[in-house]
Each structure stands twice: as structure tokens, then as C-alpha cells.
N, C-alpha and C. Protein backbone atom coordinates (compact mmCIF):
# COMPACT_ATOMS: atom_id res chain seq x y z
N UNK A 1 -28.35 7.59 -42.30
CA UNK A 1 -27.06 6.95 -42.24
C UNK A 1 -27.13 5.84 -41.18
N UNK A 2 -26.64 4.65 -41.54
CA UNK A 2 -26.68 3.49 -40.65
C UNK A 2 -25.50 3.55 -39.69
N UNK A 3 -25.78 3.38 -38.42
CA UNK A 3 -24.74 3.42 -37.40
C UNK A 3 -24.08 2.04 -37.32
N UNK A 4 -22.76 2.00 -37.39
CA UNK A 4 -22.00 0.74 -37.29
C UNK A 4 -21.67 0.51 -35.83
N UNK A 5 -22.00 -0.70 -35.36
CA UNK A 5 -21.71 -1.05 -33.97
C UNK A 5 -20.62 -2.11 -33.92
N UNK A 6 -19.70 -1.91 -33.01
CA UNK A 6 -18.62 -2.87 -32.81
C UNK A 6 -18.76 -3.44 -31.40
N UNK A 7 -18.51 -4.71 -31.29
CA UNK A 7 -18.54 -5.27 -29.93
C UNK A 7 -17.16 -5.11 -29.31
N UNK A 8 -17.12 -5.30 -28.01
CA UNK A 8 -15.90 -5.07 -27.24
C UNK A 8 -14.75 -5.96 -27.69
N UNK A 9 -15.05 -7.23 -28.01
CA UNK A 9 -13.98 -8.15 -28.41
C UNK A 9 -13.36 -7.75 -29.75
N UNK A 10 -14.16 -7.19 -30.66
CA UNK A 10 -13.60 -6.73 -31.93
C UNK A 10 -12.65 -5.55 -31.71
N UNK A 11 -13.04 -4.63 -30.87
CA UNK A 11 -12.20 -3.47 -30.59
C UNK A 11 -10.90 -3.89 -29.89
N UNK A 12 -11.01 -4.84 -28.98
CA UNK A 12 -9.81 -5.32 -28.29
C UNK A 12 -8.88 -6.01 -29.28
N UNK A 13 -9.44 -6.81 -30.18
CA UNK A 13 -8.62 -7.50 -31.18
C UNK A 13 -7.87 -6.50 -32.06
N UNK A 14 -8.55 -5.48 -32.51
CA UNK A 14 -7.91 -4.46 -33.35
C UNK A 14 -6.82 -3.74 -32.57
N UNK A 15 -7.08 -3.43 -31.31
CA UNK A 15 -6.08 -2.75 -30.48
C UNK A 15 -4.85 -3.63 -30.28
N UNK A 16 -5.05 -4.92 -30.08
CA UNK A 16 -3.92 -5.84 -29.90
C UNK A 16 -3.08 -5.91 -31.16
N UNK A 17 -3.72 -5.96 -32.31
CA UNK A 17 -2.99 -6.01 -33.58
C UNK A 17 -2.16 -4.74 -33.77
N UNK A 18 -2.75 -3.61 -33.49
CA UNK A 18 -2.04 -2.34 -33.64
C UNK A 18 -0.85 -2.29 -32.68
N UNK A 19 -1.07 -2.70 -31.44
CA UNK A 19 0.02 -2.70 -30.45
C UNK A 19 1.14 -3.65 -30.88
N UNK A 20 0.77 -4.81 -31.43
CA UNK A 20 1.78 -5.77 -31.88
C UNK A 20 2.64 -5.18 -32.99
N UNK A 21 2.02 -4.49 -33.93
CA UNK A 21 2.80 -3.87 -35.02
C UNK A 21 3.73 -2.79 -34.47
N UNK A 22 3.22 -1.96 -33.59
CA UNK A 22 4.05 -0.90 -33.01
C UNK A 22 5.21 -1.52 -32.22
N UNK A 23 4.90 -2.55 -31.42
CA UNK A 23 5.95 -3.21 -30.64
C UNK A 23 6.98 -3.85 -31.54
N UNK A 24 6.53 -4.44 -32.64
CA UNK A 24 7.46 -5.06 -33.58
C UNK A 24 8.43 -4.05 -34.16
N UNK A 25 7.93 -2.91 -34.57
CA UNK A 25 8.81 -1.87 -35.11
C UNK A 25 9.73 -1.31 -34.04
N UNK A 26 9.23 -1.13 -32.83
CA UNK A 26 10.06 -0.62 -31.74
C UNK A 26 11.17 -1.61 -31.40
N UNK A 27 10.83 -2.89 -31.34
CA UNK A 27 11.84 -3.91 -31.04
C UNK A 27 12.88 -4.02 -32.15
N UNK A 28 12.43 -3.85 -33.38
CA UNK A 28 13.37 -3.90 -34.49
C UNK A 28 14.39 -2.77 -34.37
N UNK A 29 13.94 -1.62 -33.92
CA UNK A 29 14.85 -0.50 -33.75
C UNK A 29 15.78 -0.71 -32.55
N UNK A 30 15.28 -1.38 -31.52
CA UNK A 30 16.07 -1.59 -30.31
C UNK A 30 17.14 -2.67 -30.49
N UNK A 31 16.82 -3.72 -31.24
CA UNK A 31 17.72 -4.84 -31.39
C UNK A 31 18.11 -4.99 -32.86
N UNK A 32 19.37 -4.96 -33.18
CA UNK A 32 19.78 -5.20 -34.55
C UNK A 32 19.32 -6.60 -34.99
N UNK A 33 18.98 -6.76 -36.24
CA UNK A 33 18.43 -8.01 -36.76
C UNK A 33 19.36 -9.19 -36.51
N UNK A 34 20.66 -8.97 -36.54
CA UNK A 34 21.58 -10.08 -36.35
C UNK A 34 21.83 -10.40 -34.87
N UNK A 35 21.19 -9.67 -33.97
CA UNK A 35 21.40 -9.88 -32.54
C UNK A 35 20.13 -10.40 -31.86
N UNK A 36 19.16 -10.78 -32.66
CA UNK A 36 17.89 -11.28 -32.14
C UNK A 36 17.69 -12.70 -32.64
N UNK A 37 17.35 -13.59 -31.73
CA UNK A 37 17.03 -14.96 -32.12
C UNK A 37 15.52 -15.10 -32.12
N UNK A 38 15.03 -15.99 -32.97
CA UNK A 38 13.61 -16.29 -32.97
C UNK A 38 13.43 -17.79 -32.76
N UNK A 39 12.32 -18.14 -32.14
CA UNK A 39 12.05 -19.53 -31.84
C UNK A 39 10.60 -19.85 -32.23
N UNK A 40 10.43 -20.99 -32.85
CA UNK A 40 9.10 -21.44 -33.27
C UNK A 40 8.59 -22.43 -32.23
N UNK A 41 7.87 -21.93 -31.23
CA UNK A 41 7.41 -22.78 -30.13
C UNK A 41 6.43 -23.87 -30.58
N UNK A 42 5.52 -23.59 -31.51
CA UNK A 42 4.66 -24.70 -31.98
C UNK A 42 5.47 -25.84 -32.61
N UNK A 43 6.54 -25.51 -33.32
CA UNK A 43 7.40 -26.54 -33.90
C UNK A 43 8.10 -27.34 -32.80
N UNK A 44 8.54 -26.65 -31.78
CA UNK A 44 9.17 -27.33 -30.64
C UNK A 44 8.14 -28.30 -30.03
N UNK A 45 6.94 -27.82 -29.83
CA UNK A 45 5.90 -28.65 -29.24
C UNK A 45 5.56 -29.87 -30.06
N UNK A 46 5.56 -29.72 -31.36
CA UNK A 46 5.16 -30.85 -32.21
C UNK A 46 6.32 -31.79 -32.53
N UNK A 47 7.57 -31.35 -32.35
CA UNK A 47 8.71 -32.17 -32.74
C UNK A 47 9.58 -32.64 -31.58
N UNK A 48 9.30 -32.17 -30.39
CA UNK A 48 10.10 -32.58 -29.22
C UNK A 48 9.71 -34.00 -28.82
N UNK A 49 10.67 -34.89 -28.87
CA UNK A 49 10.41 -36.31 -28.56
C UNK A 49 9.93 -36.49 -27.13
N UNK A 50 10.49 -35.73 -26.23
CA UNK A 50 10.12 -35.85 -24.81
C UNK A 50 8.65 -35.47 -24.60
N UNK A 51 8.19 -34.44 -25.29
CA UNK A 51 6.80 -34.02 -25.18
C UNK A 51 5.88 -35.07 -25.81
N UNK A 52 6.29 -35.61 -26.94
CA UNK A 52 5.49 -36.65 -27.59
C UNK A 52 5.38 -37.87 -26.67
N UNK A 53 6.47 -38.25 -26.04
CA UNK A 53 6.46 -39.40 -25.12
C UNK A 53 5.55 -39.12 -23.92
N UNK A 54 5.58 -37.90 -23.43
CA UNK A 54 4.74 -37.52 -22.30
C UNK A 54 3.26 -37.60 -22.69
N UNK A 55 2.93 -37.14 -23.89
CA UNK A 55 1.55 -37.19 -24.36
C UNK A 55 1.10 -38.63 -24.57
N UNK A 56 1.99 -39.48 -25.08
CA UNK A 56 1.65 -40.89 -25.26
C UNK A 56 1.42 -41.57 -23.91
N UNK A 57 2.25 -41.24 -22.94
CA UNK A 57 2.10 -41.78 -21.60
C UNK A 57 0.76 -41.36 -21.01
N UNK A 58 0.40 -40.10 -21.20
CA UNK A 58 -0.88 -39.58 -20.69
C UNK A 58 -2.05 -40.31 -21.35
N UNK A 59 -1.96 -40.55 -22.64
CA UNK A 59 -3.03 -41.27 -23.35
C UNK A 59 -3.14 -42.71 -22.85
N UNK A 60 -2.02 -43.36 -22.63
CA UNK A 60 -2.03 -44.74 -22.13
C UNK A 60 -2.65 -44.80 -20.74
N UNK A 61 -2.30 -43.86 -19.89
CA UNK A 61 -2.86 -43.84 -18.54
C UNK A 61 -4.36 -43.52 -18.57
N UNK A 62 -4.77 -42.67 -19.49
CA UNK A 62 -6.20 -42.37 -19.64
C UNK A 62 -6.97 -43.60 -20.10
N UNK A 63 -6.36 -44.36 -21.00
CA UNK A 63 -6.98 -45.59 -21.47
C UNK A 63 -7.11 -46.60 -20.32
N UNK A 64 -6.08 -46.72 -19.51
CA UNK A 64 -6.13 -47.61 -18.33
C UNK A 64 -7.26 -47.18 -17.40
N UNK A 65 -7.41 -45.87 -17.22
CA UNK A 65 -8.46 -45.36 -16.35
C UNK A 65 -9.84 -45.67 -16.92
N UNK A 66 -9.99 -45.56 -18.23
CA UNK A 66 -11.26 -45.90 -18.87
C UNK A 66 -11.58 -47.38 -18.67
N UNK A 67 -10.57 -48.24 -18.80
CA UNK A 67 -10.78 -49.67 -18.60
C UNK A 67 -11.15 -49.96 -17.14
N UNK A 68 -10.51 -49.28 -16.22
CA UNK A 68 -10.85 -49.43 -14.81
C UNK A 68 -12.31 -49.04 -14.58
N UNK A 69 -12.74 -47.95 -15.21
CA UNK A 69 -14.10 -47.45 -15.06
C UNK A 69 -15.12 -48.47 -15.60
N UNK A 70 -14.81 -49.10 -16.70
CA UNK A 70 -15.69 -50.12 -17.27
C UNK A 70 -15.85 -51.28 -16.29
N UNK A 71 -14.74 -51.72 -15.70
CA UNK A 71 -14.79 -52.81 -14.71
C UNK A 71 -15.59 -52.39 -13.48
N UNK A 72 -15.42 -51.14 -13.06
CA UNK A 72 -16.17 -50.64 -11.90
C UNK A 72 -17.67 -50.64 -12.20
N UNK A 73 -18.04 -50.22 -13.40
CA UNK A 73 -19.45 -50.22 -13.78
C UNK A 73 -20.01 -51.65 -13.80
N UNK A 74 -19.21 -52.60 -14.25
CA UNK A 74 -19.65 -54.00 -14.26
C UNK A 74 -19.85 -54.51 -12.84
N UNK A 75 -18.96 -54.11 -11.92
CA UNK A 75 -19.09 -54.51 -10.52
C UNK A 75 -20.37 -53.94 -9.91
N UNK A 76 -20.66 -52.71 -10.26
CA UNK A 76 -21.88 -52.07 -9.74
C UNK A 76 -23.12 -52.82 -10.23
N UNK A 77 -23.13 -53.21 -11.48
CA UNK A 77 -24.28 -53.93 -12.05
C UNK A 77 -24.50 -55.28 -11.36
N UNK A 78 -23.46 -55.89 -10.87
CA UNK A 78 -23.55 -57.21 -10.23
C UNK A 78 -24.17 -57.14 -8.83
N UNK A 79 -24.28 -55.96 -8.27
CA UNK A 79 -24.78 -55.83 -6.90
C UNK A 79 -26.26 -56.21 -6.84
N UNK A 80 -26.64 -56.90 -5.73
CA UNK A 80 -27.99 -57.46 -5.64
C UNK A 80 -29.11 -56.44 -5.39
N UNK A 81 -28.76 -55.30 -4.78
CA UNK A 81 -29.85 -54.34 -4.50
C UNK A 81 -29.38 -52.91 -4.75
N UNK A 82 -30.36 -52.02 -4.77
CA UNK A 82 -30.09 -50.61 -5.08
C UNK A 82 -29.18 -49.95 -4.04
N UNK A 83 -29.35 -50.30 -2.78
CA UNK A 83 -28.52 -49.71 -1.73
C UNK A 83 -27.04 -50.03 -1.97
N UNK A 84 -26.75 -51.29 -2.25
CA UNK A 84 -25.37 -51.71 -2.52
C UNK A 84 -24.84 -51.00 -3.76
N UNK A 85 -25.69 -50.87 -4.77
CA UNK A 85 -25.28 -50.20 -6.00
C UNK A 85 -24.92 -48.74 -5.73
N UNK A 86 -25.74 -48.09 -4.88
CA UNK A 86 -25.47 -46.69 -4.55
C UNK A 86 -24.15 -46.56 -3.78
N UNK A 87 -23.93 -47.46 -2.83
CA UNK A 87 -22.70 -47.43 -2.04
C UNK A 87 -21.47 -47.64 -2.92
N UNK A 88 -21.55 -48.62 -3.80
CA UNK A 88 -20.42 -48.88 -4.69
C UNK A 88 -20.21 -47.75 -5.68
N UNK A 89 -21.31 -47.18 -6.16
CA UNK A 89 -21.19 -46.05 -7.10
C UNK A 89 -20.47 -44.90 -6.43
N UNK A 90 -20.86 -44.60 -5.19
CA UNK A 90 -20.21 -43.51 -4.46
C UNK A 90 -18.72 -43.82 -4.26
N UNK A 91 -18.42 -45.05 -3.86
CA UNK A 91 -17.03 -45.46 -3.63
C UNK A 91 -16.21 -45.31 -4.92
N UNK A 92 -16.75 -45.80 -6.03
CA UNK A 92 -16.02 -45.74 -7.30
C UNK A 92 -15.89 -44.30 -7.83
N UNK A 93 -16.92 -43.49 -7.57
CA UNK A 93 -16.83 -42.08 -8.00
C UNK A 93 -15.71 -41.36 -7.26
N UNK A 94 -15.60 -41.62 -5.96
CA UNK A 94 -14.53 -41.00 -5.17
C UNK A 94 -13.16 -41.49 -5.65
N UNK A 95 -13.07 -42.78 -5.91
CA UNK A 95 -11.81 -43.35 -6.38
C UNK A 95 -11.45 -42.81 -7.77
N UNK A 96 -12.47 -42.68 -8.61
CA UNK A 96 -12.25 -42.13 -9.95
C UNK A 96 -11.73 -40.70 -9.87
N UNK A 97 -12.33 -39.91 -9.01
CA UNK A 97 -11.90 -38.52 -8.84
C UNK A 97 -10.44 -38.47 -8.38
N UNK A 98 -10.09 -39.33 -7.44
CA UNK A 98 -8.71 -39.37 -6.94
C UNK A 98 -7.74 -39.77 -8.06
N UNK A 99 -8.11 -40.77 -8.82
CA UNK A 99 -7.25 -41.24 -9.91
C UNK A 99 -7.10 -40.16 -10.98
N UNK A 100 -8.20 -39.50 -11.33
CA UNK A 100 -8.13 -38.44 -12.34
C UNK A 100 -7.27 -37.28 -11.86
N UNK A 101 -7.43 -36.90 -10.61
CA UNK A 101 -6.64 -35.81 -10.04
C UNK A 101 -5.16 -36.16 -10.02
N UNK A 102 -4.85 -37.38 -9.59
CA UNK A 102 -3.45 -37.81 -9.55
C UNK A 102 -2.86 -37.84 -10.96
N UNK A 103 -3.61 -38.33 -11.91
CA UNK A 103 -3.15 -38.40 -13.29
C UNK A 103 -2.89 -37.00 -13.85
N UNK A 104 -3.83 -36.09 -13.61
CA UNK A 104 -3.69 -34.72 -14.11
C UNK A 104 -2.53 -34.00 -13.42
N UNK A 105 -2.39 -34.18 -12.11
CA UNK A 105 -1.29 -33.53 -11.38
C UNK A 105 0.07 -34.03 -11.87
N UNK A 106 0.17 -35.34 -12.07
CA UNK A 106 1.42 -35.92 -12.56
C UNK A 106 1.78 -35.35 -13.94
N UNK A 107 0.79 -35.31 -14.81
CA UNK A 107 1.01 -34.78 -16.17
C UNK A 107 1.41 -33.31 -16.11
N UNK A 108 0.72 -32.55 -15.31
CA UNK A 108 1.01 -31.11 -15.20
C UNK A 108 2.43 -30.88 -14.68
N UNK A 109 2.83 -31.64 -13.67
CA UNK A 109 4.19 -31.50 -13.13
C UNK A 109 5.24 -31.83 -14.18
N UNK A 110 5.03 -32.92 -14.90
CA UNK A 110 6.00 -33.31 -15.93
C UNK A 110 6.03 -32.28 -17.06
N UNK A 111 4.88 -31.75 -17.41
CA UNK A 111 4.80 -30.74 -18.47
C UNK A 111 5.50 -29.45 -18.04
N UNK A 112 5.31 -29.06 -16.80
CA UNK A 112 5.97 -27.86 -16.29
C UNK A 112 7.49 -28.05 -16.24
N UNK A 113 7.93 -29.23 -15.86
CA UNK A 113 9.37 -29.52 -15.81
C UNK A 113 9.95 -29.45 -17.22
N UNK A 114 9.24 -29.98 -18.19
CA UNK A 114 9.71 -29.93 -19.58
C UNK A 114 9.72 -28.49 -20.09
N UNK A 115 8.70 -27.73 -19.76
CA UNK A 115 8.65 -26.32 -20.15
C UNK A 115 9.84 -25.56 -19.57
N UNK A 116 10.14 -25.82 -18.32
CA UNK A 116 11.30 -25.17 -17.67
C UNK A 116 12.59 -25.56 -18.37
N UNK A 117 12.71 -26.83 -18.70
CA UNK A 117 13.91 -27.30 -19.39
C UNK A 117 14.06 -26.62 -20.75
N UNK A 118 12.98 -26.52 -21.50
CA UNK A 118 13.02 -25.88 -22.82
C UNK A 118 13.41 -24.41 -22.68
N UNK A 119 12.82 -23.73 -21.72
CA UNK A 119 13.15 -22.32 -21.50
C UNK A 119 14.63 -22.15 -21.12
N UNK A 120 15.15 -23.07 -20.31
CA UNK A 120 16.56 -23.00 -19.93
C UNK A 120 17.45 -23.23 -21.15
N UNK A 121 17.08 -24.20 -21.99
CA UNK A 121 17.87 -24.45 -23.20
C UNK A 121 17.89 -23.22 -24.11
N UNK A 122 16.75 -22.58 -24.24
CA UNK A 122 16.67 -21.38 -25.08
C UNK A 122 17.54 -20.28 -24.49
N UNK A 123 17.45 -20.07 -23.19
CA UNK A 123 18.26 -19.03 -22.53
C UNK A 123 19.75 -19.33 -22.66
N UNK A 124 20.15 -20.59 -22.46
CA UNK A 124 21.55 -20.96 -22.59
C UNK A 124 22.06 -20.75 -24.02
N UNK A 125 21.26 -21.14 -24.98
CA UNK A 125 21.65 -20.95 -26.39
C UNK A 125 21.78 -19.47 -26.71
N UNK A 126 20.83 -18.68 -26.24
CA UNK A 126 20.88 -17.23 -26.49
C UNK A 126 22.13 -16.62 -25.87
N UNK A 127 22.45 -17.00 -24.65
CA UNK A 127 23.63 -16.45 -23.98
C UNK A 127 24.91 -16.90 -24.67
N UNK A 128 24.97 -18.17 -25.03
CA UNK A 128 26.21 -18.68 -25.64
C UNK A 128 26.45 -18.09 -27.02
N UNK A 129 25.39 -17.74 -27.72
CA UNK A 129 25.52 -17.16 -29.06
C UNK A 129 25.51 -15.64 -29.05
N UNK A 130 25.31 -15.03 -27.87
CA UNK A 130 25.37 -13.58 -27.75
C UNK A 130 24.14 -12.84 -28.24
N UNK A 131 22.99 -13.48 -28.19
CA UNK A 131 21.75 -12.80 -28.60
C UNK A 131 21.29 -11.88 -27.48
N UNK A 132 20.79 -10.74 -27.86
CA UNK A 132 20.28 -9.81 -26.85
C UNK A 132 18.81 -10.07 -26.56
N UNK A 133 18.15 -10.83 -27.43
CA UNK A 133 16.73 -11.15 -27.21
C UNK A 133 16.38 -12.41 -27.99
N UNK A 134 15.40 -13.13 -27.47
CA UNK A 134 14.81 -14.27 -28.17
C UNK A 134 13.32 -14.00 -28.21
N UNK A 135 12.79 -14.02 -29.42
CA UNK A 135 11.37 -13.71 -29.58
C UNK A 135 10.66 -14.88 -30.26
N UNK A 136 9.38 -14.95 -30.02
CA UNK A 136 8.57 -15.98 -30.65
C UNK A 136 8.43 -15.63 -32.13
N UNK A 137 8.59 -16.65 -32.97
CA UNK A 137 8.63 -16.46 -34.41
C UNK A 137 7.45 -15.65 -34.95
N UNK A 138 6.26 -15.91 -34.48
CA UNK A 138 5.09 -15.21 -34.98
C UNK A 138 5.06 -13.73 -34.66
N UNK A 139 5.84 -13.30 -33.67
CA UNK A 139 5.85 -11.90 -33.26
C UNK A 139 6.87 -11.07 -34.03
N UNK A 140 7.72 -11.74 -34.80
CA UNK A 140 8.78 -11.03 -35.52
C UNK A 140 8.36 -10.91 -36.99
N UNK A 141 8.30 -9.69 -37.46
CA UNK A 141 7.89 -9.47 -38.85
C UNK A 141 9.05 -9.72 -39.81
N UNK A 142 10.25 -9.39 -39.37
CA UNK A 142 11.40 -9.50 -40.26
C UNK A 142 12.66 -9.65 -39.42
N UNK A 143 13.57 -10.45 -39.91
CA UNK A 143 14.89 -10.55 -39.29
C UNK A 143 14.96 -11.56 -38.16
N UNK A 144 16.11 -11.59 -37.56
CA UNK A 144 16.37 -12.52 -36.47
C UNK A 144 16.87 -13.85 -36.99
N UNK A 145 17.59 -14.55 -36.15
CA UNK A 145 18.10 -15.87 -36.52
C UNK A 145 17.25 -16.92 -35.84
N UNK A 146 16.74 -17.85 -36.62
CA UNK A 146 15.88 -18.92 -36.10
C UNK A 146 16.74 -19.98 -35.41
N UNK A 147 16.53 -20.16 -34.11
CA UNK A 147 17.30 -21.15 -33.35
C UNK A 147 16.47 -22.40 -33.03
N UNK A 148 15.33 -22.52 -33.64
CA UNK A 148 14.43 -23.64 -33.37
C UNK A 148 15.11 -24.98 -33.59
N UNK A 149 15.77 -25.14 -34.73
CA UNK A 149 16.43 -26.41 -35.06
C UNK A 149 17.51 -26.75 -34.04
N UNK A 150 18.29 -25.76 -33.63
CA UNK A 150 19.34 -25.99 -32.62
C UNK A 150 18.73 -26.49 -31.31
N UNK A 151 17.67 -25.85 -30.90
CA UNK A 151 17.02 -26.23 -29.63
C UNK A 151 16.45 -27.64 -29.75
N UNK A 152 15.82 -27.95 -30.87
CA UNK A 152 15.27 -29.30 -31.07
C UNK A 152 16.36 -30.36 -31.06
N UNK A 153 17.49 -30.06 -31.68
CA UNK A 153 18.60 -31.01 -31.68
C UNK A 153 19.08 -31.30 -30.27
N UNK A 154 19.23 -30.27 -29.47
CA UNK A 154 19.68 -30.42 -28.07
C UNK A 154 18.62 -31.18 -27.28
N UNK A 155 17.38 -30.80 -27.45
CA UNK A 155 16.28 -31.39 -26.70
C UNK A 155 16.07 -32.86 -27.03
N UNK A 156 16.25 -33.22 -28.28
CA UNK A 156 15.97 -34.58 -28.74
C UNK A 156 17.16 -35.53 -28.64
N UNK A 157 18.25 -35.08 -28.03
CA UNK A 157 19.43 -35.96 -27.87
C UNK A 157 19.11 -37.09 -26.93
């Protein structure tokens, strides 16, 4: 008889699926279907104008950084000797690191602020409509009222 071997990640995946099903049934029993809201977070992410604008801004700033890097490389090539090239390379690498860090920090802060705003909108909508819980759409097998469109309308005003 051939022994079947499972790796740890397969066993963990199966355990997570089983726990999700059990949790889904338990939550269904705890919250009546008409008292639970569901939200489609991927839809919010793909349709929120503010998030799209933030991503476009990040892409534009990344493009500017790439153009700056090309100019820096051209400046390095113009240097008359290897010592000067090394000094300029080091200077530009440090400046590049600073610019990348600042760009990433700025994006992260704006993204966190938007995430906080979305979470607040969801909580306010749930409270105003009297929902006892708001769950992510993929975690709900059946029932619940989808408030995604309402949140998107508020967010995109």
C-alpha cells in the first residue's frame, strides 16, 4: 500500500477551509440574514475614484523618478575619471534611496488614510442602517445585504 504524504501548507489550507465553513454556519446562526451587511472590498478597490487617482499619482511620480535616474546616469557617464564616477554614483544612489523612501512613505500614508476613511464609511452605514455585522462578501455563503454600491456612491461623491 502506497503511503500518501501531505505537506504542511496543504494541511493548513484544508484546516482553514473547514474553519471558514464552520464559522460561516455559526455566524449565520448568530446573525439573522436581514441584519448582516456584506461588502465587496475588491470592488471598492477597483471602483473607488480616490484610490484610482492615488494609484495614478504614484505611477506618475515613479515615472518622474525613472526620468531623474536616466539623467543621473547620463551625468555619471560624462565624468572624466573613474573616481569622479564612483563619487557621483554614490551620491545619486543615496539620493535615489531617499526619493524612493519618501515616495513610498507618502503613498503608504495616503493609502492608510483612504483605508481608514473607507472603514469609517462602512461602520457609519452599518450603524445608520442597524446592521449587527458587516462581513466581507467572499466569507458569506448565503444572505446578508450588499452595501458595496452604497459605500461606493458615498466614496465617489
